[in-house]
Amino acid sequence: MEFKKDELKSQALSLVEKVKQDKKVAIGVIAGAVLFVLAIVVFLASGPSKPKTPQEQFRALLSQAVNNDSNLNKILNGFKLDEDKLEIVRDHYKKMFDDELLDFYVKKLDEQGVFKAKNLDKKRAFATAFKTMNDIAVEGILKTSAQEREAFFNYNKTLITTLSPRTCKMYVIGDPRLFAEREMQTSSSRVFKKMTKEQLEAYLAAQRAAAHSVAKGNINSATLTKEQAEKAGSLLESANEKQMQQLPVFKQKKIANAASDLTRAMPMDACDFGKFVYKSADSITDPADREIVILNLLGAAQQ
């Protein structure tokens, strides 16, 4: 027994509306922020001489980590990648923590109150840094090029396939507790292994572009016309419908039920919904159509 065509279309439409209401389900967090957080573990444990203020101390530790081969290798060894990919990540670290971005990161962390305590709280600094870097990346996504947004999308569509149901659900619904999950903190290593060298390089370059755009105060964000937004919704609706038809009836019902209330859905079902959305969007291969669908999922404003 299969869904009737009208019922199927209704379920597909509900998925489109759910995506529009909660953009996080389609893009999730930008897990590349974990690069910053992994570095902090080394920084806070290294115990060098302390400058006058916690802010200066933190900045010095960041700088030391990326400019000291010994410290940098400790971080890179955790990724367990081949040498070609390690070199790409090593280059990324040094570019991601140039003077402009170092000053910006410390400023953003200071705004979060990380440095107000007499002694730097390592656990709090760790979690807050992860979230701060994620927020910077998310804010900067729409300020990057179409090619860089594609790299973000490609990273996340791979990421969601590497997570356990519990963590995956947190990712799909944008649960802030996600930043404290060890599985999420180490996710980049698993994703990087699945990427080609070209994909990895493109993603990390997009990370830097997003961060620099926010640091420089770039106010120009990609937007959609009303017609483009409507077309993007129709494209995703059609992709959802086609993909739904390929699933067993029990799976169709589980995904549809999860979409109706992701917070209460079983972890596996919420995760399957997130994967479903990514797969639908990824099935749209025409470059122009794909661009507006990704923009729509990223929450691009209408002109």
C-alpha atoms as a PDB file:
ATOM      1  CA  MET A   1       0.000   0.000   0.000  1.00  0.00           C
ATOM      2  CA  GLU A   2       1.344   3.440  -0.955  1.00  0.00           C
ATOM      3  CA  PHE A   3       0.367   7.016  -0.176  1.00  0.00           C
ATOM      4  CA  LYS A   4      -2.187   8.477  -2.537  1.00  0.00           C
ATOM      5  CA  LYS A   5      -0.756  11.130  -4.832  1.00  0.00           C
ATOM      6  CA  ASP A   6      -2.582  14.016  -3.119  1.00  0.00           C
ATOM      7  CA  GLU A   7      -1.480  12.819   0.313  1.00  0.00           C
ATOM      8  CA  LEU A   8       2.096  12.469  -0.901  1.00  0.00           C
ATOM      9  CA  LYS A   9       2.084  15.986  -2.300  1.00  0.00           C
ATOM     10  CA  SER A  10       0.663  17.275   0.976  1.00  0.00           C
ATOM     11  CA  GLN A  11       3.469  15.593   2.937  1.00  0.00           C
ATOM     12  CA  ALA A  12       6.094  16.981   0.553  1.00  0.00           C
ATOM     13  CA  LEU A  13       4.639  20.472   0.946  1.00  0.00           C
ATOM     14  CA  SER A  14       4.741  20.147   4.727  1.00  0.00           C
ATOM     15  CA  LEU A  15       8.453  19.344   4.506  1.00  0.00           C
ATOM     16  CA  VAL A  16       9.069  22.444   2.398  1.00  0.00           C
ATOM     17  CA  GLU A  17       7.211  24.594   4.920  1.00  0.00           C
ATOM     18  CA  LYS A  18       9.151  23.024   7.795  1.00  0.00           C
ATOM     19  CA  VAL A  19      12.429  23.887   6.101  1.00  0.00           C
ATOM     20  CA  LYS A  20      11.286  27.470   5.545  1.00  0.00           C
ATOM     21  CA  GLN A  21      10.299  27.807   9.203  1.00  0.00           C
ATOM     22  CA  ASP A  22      13.538  26.380  10.587  1.00  0.00           C
ATOM     23  CA  LYS A  23      16.532  26.975   8.335  1.00  0.00           C
ATOM     24  CA  LYS A  24      18.803  25.090  10.731  1.00  0.00           C
ATOM     25  CA  VAL A  25      17.325  21.799   9.632  1.00  0.00           C
ATOM     26  CA  ALA A  26      18.762  22.264   6.170  1.00  0.00           C
ATOM     27  CA  ILE A  27      22.171  23.632   6.971  1.00  0.00           C
ATOM     28  CA  GLY A  28      22.860  22.703  10.557  1.00  0.00           C
ATOM     29  CA  VAL A  29      25.828  24.148  12.367  1.00  0.00           C
ATOM     30  CA  ILE A  30      29.089  24.713  10.602  1.00  0.00           C
ATOM     31  CA  ALA A  31      31.194  22.034  12.189  1.00  0.00           C
ATOM     32  CA  GLY A  32      34.406  23.436  10.787  1.00  0.00           C
ATOM     33  CA  ALA A  33      34.367  25.622  13.877  1.00  0.00           C
ATOM     34  CA  VAL A  34      35.788  22.582  15.628  1.00  0.00           C
ATOM     35  CA  LEU A  35      39.179  23.506  14.164  1.00  0.00           C
ATOM     36  CA  PHE A  36      39.232  26.506  16.464  1.00  0.00           C
ATOM     37  CA  VAL A  37      38.063  24.528  19.456  1.00  0.00           C
ATOM     38  CA  LEU A  38      40.565  21.721  19.044  1.00  0.00           C
ATOM     39  CA  ALA A  39      43.273  24.339  19.051  1.00  0.00           C
ATOM     40  CA  ILE A  40      42.002  25.739  22.342  1.00  0.00           C
ATOM     41  CA  VAL A  41      42.581  22.416  24.070  1.00  0.00           C
ATOM     42  CA  VAL A  42      46.276  22.726  23.322  1.00  0.00           C
ATOM     43  CA  PHE A  43      46.334  26.432  24.095  1.00  0.00           C
ATOM     44  CA  LEU A  44      44.816  26.144  27.552  1.00  0.00           C
ATOM     45  CA  ALA A  45      46.971  23.170  28.475  1.00  0.00           C
ATOM     46  CA  SER A  46      50.241  24.625  27.268  1.00  0.00           C
ATOM     47  CA  GLY A  47      50.721  27.105  30.096  1.00  0.00           C
ATOM     48  CA  PRO A  48      53.126  29.648  28.583  1.00  0.00           C
ATOM     49  CA  SER A  49      54.078  32.891  30.292  1.00  0.00           C
ATOM     50  CA  LYS A  50      51.006  34.995  30.818  1.00  0.00           C
ATOM     51  CA  PRO A  51      50.578  38.489  29.378  1.00  0.00           C
ATOM     52  CA  LYS A  52      48.774  41.120  31.442  1.00  0.00           C
ATOM     53  CA  THR A  53      45.154  40.273  30.674  1.00  0.00           C
ATOM     54  CA  PRO A  54      43.195  37.065  29.934  1.00  0.00           C
ATOM     55  CA  GLN A  55      42.446  38.489  26.487  1.00  0.00           C
ATOM     56  CA  GLU A  56      46.139  38.957  25.762  1.00  0.00           C
ATOM     57  CA  GLN A  57      46.904  35.524  27.168  1.00  0.00           C
ATOM     58  CA  PHE A  58      44.303  33.863  24.999  1.00  0.00           C
ATOM     59  CA  ARG A  59      45.431  35.687  21.869  1.00  0.00           C
ATOM     60  CA  ALA A  60      49.039  34.772  22.544  1.00  0.00           C
ATOM     61  CA  LEU A  61      48.117  31.114  22.985  1.00  0.00           C
ATOM     62  CA  LEU A  62      46.152  31.111  19.731  1.00  0.00           C
ATOM     63  CA  SER A  63      49.027  32.690  17.894  1.00  0.00           C
ATOM     64  CA  GLN A  64      51.527  30.323  19.472  1.00  0.00           C
ATOM     65  CA  ALA A  65      49.511  27.262  18.444  1.00  0.00           C
ATOM     66  CA  VAL A  66      49.414  28.069  14.748  1.00  0.00           C
ATOM     67  CA  ASN A  67      52.953  29.441  14.539  1.00  0.00           C
ATOM     68  CA  ASN A  68      54.635  26.693  16.550  1.00  0.00           C
ATOM     69  CA  ASP A  69      55.047  23.521  14.486  1.00  0.00           C
ATOM     70  CA  SER A  70      55.140  21.307  17.569  1.00  0.00           C
ATOM     71  CA  ASN A  71      51.805  22.613  18.893  1.00  0.00           C
ATOM     72  CA  LEU A  72      50.239  22.606  15.461  1.00  0.00           C
ATOM     73  CA  ASN A  73      51.288  19.009  14.838  1.00  0.00           C
ATOM     74  CA  LYS A  74      49.655  17.933  18.099  1.00  0.00           C
ATOM     75  CA  ILE A  75      46.364  19.274  16.810  1.00  0.00           C
ATOM     76  CA  LEU A  76      46.778  17.924  13.300  1.00  0.00           C
ATOM     77  CA  ASN A  77      47.639  14.431  14.505  1.00  0.00           C
ATOM     78  CA  GLY A  78      44.132  14.156  15.910  1.00  0.00           C
ATOM     79  CA  PHE A  79      42.655  14.276  12.421  1.00  0.00           C
ATOM     80  CA  LYS A  80      44.468  11.115  11.279  1.00  0.00           C
ATOM     81  CA  LEU A  81      44.525  12.278   7.650  1.00  0.00           C
ATOM     82  CA  ASP A  82      46.976  11.547   4.883  1.00  0.00           C
ATOM     83  CA  GLU A  83      49.818  14.026   4.442  1.00  0.00           C
ATOM     84  CA  ASP A  84      48.240  15.853   1.490  1.00  0.00           C
ATOM     85  CA  LYS A  85      45.099  16.635   3.467  1.00  0.00           C
ATOM     86  CA  LEU A  86      47.092  17.468   6.595  1.00  0.00           C
ATOM     87  CA  GLU A  87      49.009  20.070   4.615  1.00  0.00           C
ATOM     88  CA  ILE A  88      45.717  21.646   3.501  1.00  0.00           C
ATOM     89  CA  VAL A  89      44.489  21.809   7.105  1.00  0.00           C
ATOM     90  CA  ARG A  90      47.854  23.121   8.320  1.00  0.00           C
ATOM     91  CA  ASP A  91      47.713  25.931   5.756  1.00  0.00           C
ATOM     92  CA  HIS A  92      44.135  26.676   6.798  1.00  0.00           C
ATOM     93  CA  TYR A  93      45.066  27.077  10.459  1.00  0.00           C
ATOM     94  CA  LYS A  94      47.726  29.643   9.672  1.00  0.00           C
ATOM     95  CA  LYS A  95      45.388  31.635   7.443  1.00  0.00           C
ATOM     96  CA  MET A  96      42.393  31.291   9.760  1.00  0.00           C
ATOM     97  CA  PHE A  97      44.309  32.822  12.630  1.00  0.00           C
ATOM     98  CA  ASP A  98      45.984  35.785  11.003  1.00  0.00           C
ATOM     99  CA  ASP A  99      46.200  39.024  12.982  1.00  0.00           C
ATOM    100  CA  GLU A 100      42.866  40.382  11.738  1.00  0.00           C
ATOM    101  CA  LEU A 101      40.894  37.284  12.653  1.00  0.00           C
ATOM    102  CA  LEU A 102      42.755  36.713  15.924  1.00  0.00           C
ATOM    103  CA  ASP A 103      41.740  40.184  17.110  1.00  0.00           C
ATOM    104  CA  PHE A 104      38.179  39.585  15.937  1.00  0.00           C
ATOM    105  CA  TYR A 105      37.849  36.190  17.667  1.00  0.00           C
ATOM    106  CA  VAL A 106      39.141  37.526  20.965  1.00  0.00           C
ATOM    107  CA  LYS A 107      36.744  40.474  20.716  1.00  0.00           C
ATOM    108  CA  LYS A 108      33.769  38.180  20.093  1.00  0.00           C
ATOM    109  CA  LEU A 109      34.723  35.888  22.968  1.00  0.00           C
ATOM    110  CA  ASP A 110      35.164  38.906  25.224  1.00  0.00           C
ATOM    111  CA  GLU A 111      31.617  39.991  24.335  1.00  0.00           C
ATOM    112  CA  GLN A 112      30.448  36.567  25.541  1.00  0.00           C
ATOM    113  CA  GLY A 113      32.023  37.176  28.949  1.00  0.00           C
ATOM    114  CA  VAL A 114      34.659  34.449  28.623  1.00  0.00           C
ATOM    115  CA  PHE A 115      37.397  36.606  30.118  1.00  0.00           C
ATOM    116  CA  LYS A 116      35.504  38.155  33.021  1.00  0.00           C
ATOM    117  CA  ALA A 117      36.470  35.469  35.507  1.00  0.00           C
ATOM    118  CA  LYS A 118      39.764  35.889  37.354  1.00  0.00           C
ATOM    119  CA  ASN A 119      41.022  32.628  35.867  1.00  0.00           C
ATOM    120  CA  LEU A 120      40.017  31.515  32.397  1.00  0.00           C
ATOM    121  CA  ASP A 121      37.371  28.784  32.752  1.00  0.00           C
ATOM    122  CA  LYS A 122      38.588  26.114  30.349  1.00  0.00           C
ATOM    123  CA  LYS A 123      35.286  24.261  30.007  1.00  0.00           C
ATOM    124  CA  ARG A 124      33.305  27.416  29.427  1.00  0.00           C
ATOM    125  CA  ALA A 125      35.900  28.827  27.048  1.00  0.00           C
ATOM    126  CA  PHE A 126      35.811  25.604  25.072  1.00  0.00           C
ATOM    127  CA  ALA A 127      32.012  25.523  24.637  1.00  0.00           C
ATOM    128  CA  THR A 128      31.654  29.248  24.087  1.00  0.00           C
ATOM    129  CA  ALA A 129      34.453  29.313  21.533  1.00  0.00           C
ATOM    130  CA  PHE A 130      32.821  26.518  19.548  1.00  0.00           C
ATOM    131  CA  LYS A 131      29.472  28.306  19.495  1.00  0.00           C
ATOM    132  CA  THR A 132      31.052  31.679  18.721  1.00  0.00           C
ATOM    133  CA  MET A 133      32.969  30.316  15.748  1.00  0.00           C
ATOM    134  CA  ASN A 134      29.853  28.574  14.536  1.00  0.00           C
ATOM    135  CA  ASP A 135      27.820  31.777  14.790  1.00  0.00           C
ATOM    136  CA  ILE A 136      30.473  33.694  12.858  1.00  0.00           C
ATOM    137  CA  ALA A 137      30.448  31.099  10.100  1.00  0.00           C
ATOM    138  CA  VAL A 138      26.643  30.983   9.910  1.00  0.00           C
ATOM    139  CA  GLU A 139      26.483  34.783   9.787  1.00  0.00           C
ATOM    140  CA  GLY A 140      29.084  34.863   7.046  1.00  0.00           C
ATOM    141  CA  ILE A 141      27.632  32.174   4.782  1.00  0.00           C
ATOM    142  CA  LEU A 142      25.364  34.542   2.859  1.00  0.00           C
ATOM    143  CA  LYS A 143      28.227  36.999   2.442  1.00  0.00           C
ATOM    144  CA  THR A 144      30.287  34.498   0.447  1.00  0.00           C
ATOM    145  CA  SER A 145      30.157  33.461  -3.210  1.00  0.00           C
ATOM    146  CA  ALA A 146      27.861  30.815  -4.688  1.00  0.00           C
ATOM    147  CA  GLN A 147      30.833  28.473  -4.973  1.00  0.00           C
ATOM    148  CA  GLU A 148      31.698  28.946  -1.307  1.00  0.00           C
ATOM    149  CA  ARG A 149      28.077  28.408  -0.234  1.00  0.00           C
ATOM    150  CA  GLU A 150      28.119  25.182  -2.227  1.00  0.00           C
ATOM    151  CA  ALA A 151      31.202  24.094  -0.273  1.00  0.00           C
ATOM    152  CA  PHE A 152      29.361  24.742   3.013  1.00  0.00           C
ATOM    153  CA  PHE A 153      26.382  22.740   1.792  1.00  0.00           C
ATOM    154  CA  ASN A 154      28.555  19.845   0.637  1.00  0.00           C
ATOM    155  CA  TYR A 155      30.316  19.694   3.997  1.00  0.00           C
ATOM    156  CA  ASN A 156      27.060  19.571   5.917  1.00  0.00           C
ATOM    157  CA  LYS A 157      25.397  16.985   3.690  1.00  0.00           C
ATOM    158  CA  THR A 158      28.367  14.713   4.469  1.00  0.00           C
ATOM    159  CA  LEU A 159      28.477  15.627   8.148  1.00  0.00           C
ATOM    160  CA  ILE A 160      24.913  14.532   8.823  1.00  0.00           C
ATOM    161  CA  THR A 161      25.709  11.021   7.577  1.00  0.00           C
ATOM    162  CA  THR A 162      28.487  10.623  10.161  1.00  0.00           C
ATOM    163  CA  LEU A 163      26.467  11.376  13.307  1.00  0.00           C
ATOM    164  CA  SER A 164      24.723   9.034  15.721  1.00  0.00           C
ATOM    165  CA  PRO A 165      20.912   9.436  15.907  1.00  0.00           C
ATOM    166  CA  ARG A 166      21.008  11.406  19.172  1.00  0.00           C
ATOM    167  CA  THR A 167      23.660  13.869  18.031  1.00  0.00           C
ATOM    168  CA  CYS A 168      22.127  14.019  14.567  1.00  0.00           C
ATOM    169  CA  LYS A 169      18.768  15.080  16.011  1.00  0.00           C
ATOM    170  CA  MET A 170      20.467  17.804  18.032  1.00  0.00           C
ATOM    171  CA  TYR A 171      22.143  18.946  14.815  1.00  0.00           C
ATOM    172  CA  VAL A 172      18.875  18.942  12.861  1.00  0.00           C
ATOM    173  CA  ILE A 173      16.902  20.956  15.411  1.00  0.00           C
ATOM    174  CA  GLY A 174      19.791  23.299  16.225  1.00  0.00           C
ATOM    175  CA  ASP A 175      19.991  22.232  19.883  1.00  0.00           C
ATOM    176  CA  PRO A 176      22.569  24.507  21.601  1.00  0.00           C
ATOM    177  CA  ARG A 177      23.751  21.536  23.679  1.00  0.00           C
ATOM    178  CA  LEU A 178      25.248  20.187  20.483  1.00  0.00           C
ATOM    179  CA  PHE A 179      28.365  22.267  21.116  1.00  0.00           C
ATOM    180  CA  ALA A 180      29.170  20.228  24.220  1.00  0.00           C
ATOM    181  CA  GLU A 181      28.909  16.887  22.440  1.00  0.00           C
ATOM    182  CA  ARG A 182      32.246  15.124  22.034  1.00  0.00           C
ATOM    183  CA  GLU A 183      30.980  13.444  18.865  1.00  0.00           C
ATOM    184  CA  MET A 184      30.336  16.828  17.293  1.00  0.00           C
ATOM    185  CA  GLN A 185      33.613  18.273  18.479  1.00  0.00           C
ATOM    186  CA  THR A 186      35.510  15.521  16.670  1.00  0.00           C
ATOM    187  CA  SER A 187      33.234  15.354  13.616  1.00  0.00           C
ATOM    188  CA  SER A 188      35.511  17.271  11.252  1.00  0.00           C
ATOM    189  CA  SER A 189      38.062  14.451  11.255  1.00  0.00           C
ATOM    190  CA  ARG A 190      35.435  11.967  10.065  1.00  0.00           C
ATOM    191  CA  VAL A 191      34.056  14.310   7.423  1.00  0.00           C
ATOM    192  CA  PHE A 192      37.473  15.329   6.115  1.00  0.00           C
ATOM    193  CA  LYS A 193      38.298  11.663   5.511  1.00  0.00           C
ATOM    194  CA  LYS A 194      35.258  11.368   3.234  1.00  0.00           C
ATOM    195  CA  MET A 195      36.111  14.484   1.236  1.00  0.00           C
ATOM    196  CA  THR A 196      38.440  14.735  -1.725  1.00  0.00           C
ATOM    197  CA  LYS A 197      41.408  17.071  -1.393  1.00  0.00           C
ATOM    198  CA  GLU A 198      39.629  19.534  -3.690  1.00  0.00           C
ATOM    199  CA  GLN A 199      36.453  19.455  -1.601  1.00  0.00           C
ATOM    200  CA  LEU A 200      38.396  19.904   1.619  1.00  0.00           C
ATOM    201  CA  GLU A 201      40.351  22.846   0.266  1.00  0.00           C
ATOM    202  CA  ALA A 202      37.171  24.474  -1.038  1.00  0.00           C
ATOM    203  CA  TYR A 203      35.375  24.060   2.276  1.00  0.00           C
ATOM    204  CA  LEU A 204      38.180  25.478   4.390  1.00  0.00           C
ATOM    205  CA  ALA A 205      38.611  28.399   1.983  1.00  0.00           C
ATOM    206  CA  ALA A 206      34.874  29.072   2.351  1.00  0.00           C
ATOM    207  CA  GLN A 207      35.262  28.993   6.140  1.00  0.00           C
ATOM    208  CA  ARG A 208      37.908  31.696   5.934  1.00  0.00           C
ATOM    209  CA  ALA A 209      35.876  33.783   3.497  1.00  0.00           C
ATOM    210  CA  ALA A 210      32.864  33.696   5.812  1.00  0.00           C
ATOM    211  CA  ALA A 211      34.939  34.679   8.844  1.00  0.00           C
ATOM    212  CA  HIS A 212      36.701  37.523   7.040  1.00  0.00           C
ATOM    213  CA  SER A 213      33.418  38.878   5.697  1.00  0.00           C
ATOM    214  CA  VAL A 214      32.029  39.171   9.230  1.00  0.00           C
ATOM    215  CA  ALA A 215      35.276  40.524  10.684  1.00  0.00           C
ATOM    216  CA  LYS A 216      35.398  43.240   8.021  1.00  0.00           C
ATOM    217  CA  GLY A 217      31.773  44.194   8.690  1.00  0.00           C
ATOM    218  CA  ASN A 218      30.612  43.278   5.202  1.00  0.00           C
ATOM    219  CA  ILE A 219      26.914  44.160   5.010  1.00  0.00           C
ATOM    220  CA  ASN A 220      26.338  42.700   1.555  1.00  0.00           C
ATOM    221  CA  SER A 221      24.455  39.410   1.781  1.00  0.00           C
ATOM    222  CA  ALA A 222      23.051  37.303  -1.031  1.00  0.00           C
ATOM    223  CA  THR A 223      19.303  37.756  -1.450  1.00  0.00           C
ATOM    224  CA  LEU A 224      16.485  36.199  -3.443  1.00  0.00           C
ATOM    225  CA  THR A 225      13.770  37.901  -5.422  1.00  0.00           C
ATOM    226  CA  LYS A 226      10.217  36.885  -4.569  1.00  0.00           C
ATOM    227  CA  GLU A 227      10.072  34.905  -7.796  1.00  0.00           C
ATOM    228  CA  GLN A 228      13.350  33.101  -7.012  1.00  0.00           C
ATOM    229  CA  ALA A 229      12.168  32.192  -3.512  1.00  0.00           C
ATOM    230  CA  GLU A 230       8.912  30.810  -4.897  1.00  0.00           C
ATOM    231  CA  LYS A 231      10.788  28.841  -7.529  1.00  0.00           C
ATOM    232  CA  ALA A 232      13.192  27.455  -4.925  1.00  0.00           C
ATOM    233  CA  GLY A 233      10.251  26.257  -2.849  1.00  0.00           C
ATOM    234  CA  SER A 234       8.680  24.587  -5.872  1.00  0.00           C
ATOM    235  CA  LEU A 235      11.954  22.925  -6.825  1.00  0.00           C
ATOM    236  CA  LEU A 236      12.418  21.507  -3.344  1.00  0.00           C
ATOM    237  CA  GLU A 237       8.783  20.440  -3.196  1.00  0.00           C
ATOM    238  CA  SER A 238       9.195  18.522  -6.440  1.00  0.00           C
ATOM    239  CA  ALA A 239      12.471  16.973  -5.263  1.00  0.00           C
ATOM    240  CA  ASN A 240      10.842  15.951  -1.962  1.00  0.00           C
ATOM    241  CA  GLU A 241       7.926  14.351  -3.759  1.00  0.00           C
ATOM    242  CA  LYS A 242      10.175  12.360  -6.095  1.00  0.00           C
ATOM    243  CA  GLN A 243      12.355  11.193  -3.244  1.00  0.00           C
ATOM    244  CA  MET A 244       9.361  10.297  -1.074  1.00  0.00           C
ATOM    245  CA  GLN A 245       8.033   8.049  -3.816  1.00  0.00           C
ATOM    246  CA  GLN A 246      11.248   6.046  -3.687  1.00  0.00           C
ATOM    247  CA  LEU A 247      10.867   5.231   0.013  1.00  0.00           C
ATOM    248  CA  PRO A 248       8.943   2.373   1.642  1.00  0.00           C
ATOM    249  CA  VAL A 249       5.562   3.463   3.034  1.00  0.00           C
ATOM    250  CA  PHE A 250       6.679   3.045   6.654  1.00  0.00           C
ATOM    251  CA  LYS A 251       9.666   5.332   6.024  1.00  0.00           C
ATOM    252  CA  GLN A 252       7.470   7.927   4.311  1.00  0.00           C
ATOM    253  CA  LYS A 253       5.212   8.050   7.359  1.00  0.00           C
ATOM    254  CA  LYS A 254       8.109   8.273   9.804  1.00  0.00           C
ATOM    255  CA  ILE A 255       9.686  11.194   7.945  1.00  0.00           C
ATOM    256  CA  ALA A 256       6.357  12.988   7.592  1.00  0.00           C
ATOM    257  CA  ASN A 257       5.570  12.488  11.285  1.00  0.00           C
ATOM    258  CA  ALA A 258       9.028  13.684  12.289  1.00  0.00           C
ATOM    259  CA  ALA A 259       8.574  16.819  10.168  1.00  0.00           C
ATOM    260  CA  SER A 260       5.382  17.668  12.049  1.00  0.00           C
ATOM    261  CA  ASP A 261       7.244  17.911  15.382  1.00  0.00           C
ATOM    262  CA  LEU A 262      11.007  17.495  15.169  1.00  0.00           C
ATOM    263  CA  THR A 263      11.533  18.269  18.848  1.00  0.00           C
ATOM    264  CA  ARG A 264       9.419  15.313  19.948  1.00  0.00           C
ATOM    265  CA  ALA A 265      10.415  12.980  17.120  1.00  0.00           C
ATOM    266  CA  MET A 266      12.526   9.912  17.826  1.00  0.00           C
ATOM    267  CA  PRO A 267      16.218  10.696  17.200  1.00  0.00           C
ATOM    268  CA  MET A 268      16.452   8.300  14.261  1.00  0.00           C
ATOM    269  CA  ASP A 269      13.353   9.788  12.613  1.00  0.00           C
ATOM    270  CA  ALA A 270      14.479  13.395  13.106  1.00  0.00           C
ATOM    271  CA  CYS A 271      17.873  12.461  11.689  1.00  0.00           C
ATOM    272  CA  ASP A 272      16.272  10.737   8.700  1.00  0.00           C
ATOM    273  CA  PHE A 273      14.256  13.886   8.067  1.00  0.00           C
ATOM    274  CA  GLY A 274      17.415  15.985   7.995  1.00  0.00           C
ATOM    275  CA  LYS A 275      19.089  13.532   5.625  1.00  0.00           C
ATOM    276  CA  PHE A 276      15.941  13.562   3.482  1.00  0.00           C
ATOM    277  CA  VAL A 277      16.086  17.346   3.103  1.00  0.00           C
ATOM    278  CA  TYR A 278      19.764  17.302   2.180  1.00  0.00           C
ATOM    279  CA  LYS A 279      19.235  14.510  -0.326  1.00  0.00           C
ATOM    280  CA  SER A 280      16.305  16.341  -1.928  1.00  0.00           C
ATOM    281  CA  ALA A 281      18.287  19.561  -2.264  1.00  0.00           C
ATOM    282  CA  ASP A 282      21.326  17.672  -3.532  1.00  0.00           C
ATOM    283  CA  SER A 283      19.256  15.997  -6.255  1.00  0.00           C
ATOM    284  CA  ILE A 284      18.774  19.401  -7.908  1.00  0.00           C
ATOM    285  CA  THR A 285      21.720  19.528 -10.279  1.00  0.00           C
ATOM    286  CA  ASP A 286      21.013  22.486 -12.561  1.00  0.00           C
ATOM    287  CA  PRO A 287      23.532  25.126 -11.348  1.00  0.00           C
ATOM    288  CA  ALA A 288      21.091  28.067 -11.337  1.00  0.00           C
ATOM    289  CA  ASP A 289      18.321  26.075  -9.653  1.00  0.00           C
ATOM    290  CA  ARG A 290      20.701  24.554  -7.132  1.00  0.00           C
ATOM    291  CA  GLU A 291      22.037  27.973  -6.174  1.00  0.00           C
ATOM    292  CA  ILE A 292      18.629  29.424  -5.319  1.00  0.00           C
ATOM    293  CA  VAL A 293      17.573  26.287  -3.433  1.00  0.00           C
ATOM    294  CA  ILE A 294      20.705  26.443  -1.268  1.00  0.00           C
ATOM    295  CA  LEU A 295      20.176  30.177  -0.737  1.00  0.00           C
ATOM    296  CA  ASN A 296      16.591  29.519   0.289  1.00  0.00           C
ATOM    297  CA  LEU A 297      17.653  26.832   2.732  1.00  0.00           C
ATOM    298  CA  LEU A 298      20.265  29.172   4.152  1.00  0.00           C
ATOM    299  CA  GLY A 299      17.555  31.721   4.850  1.00  0.00           C
ATOM    300  CA  ALA A 300      18.466  34.330   2.267  1.00  0.00           C
ATOM    301  CA  ALA A 301      16.190  37.349   2.550  1.00  0.00           C
ATOM    302  CA  GLN A 302      13.855  38.337  -0.282  1.00  0.00           C
ATOM    303  CA  GLN A 303      14.428  41.601  -2.086  1.00  0.00           C
END
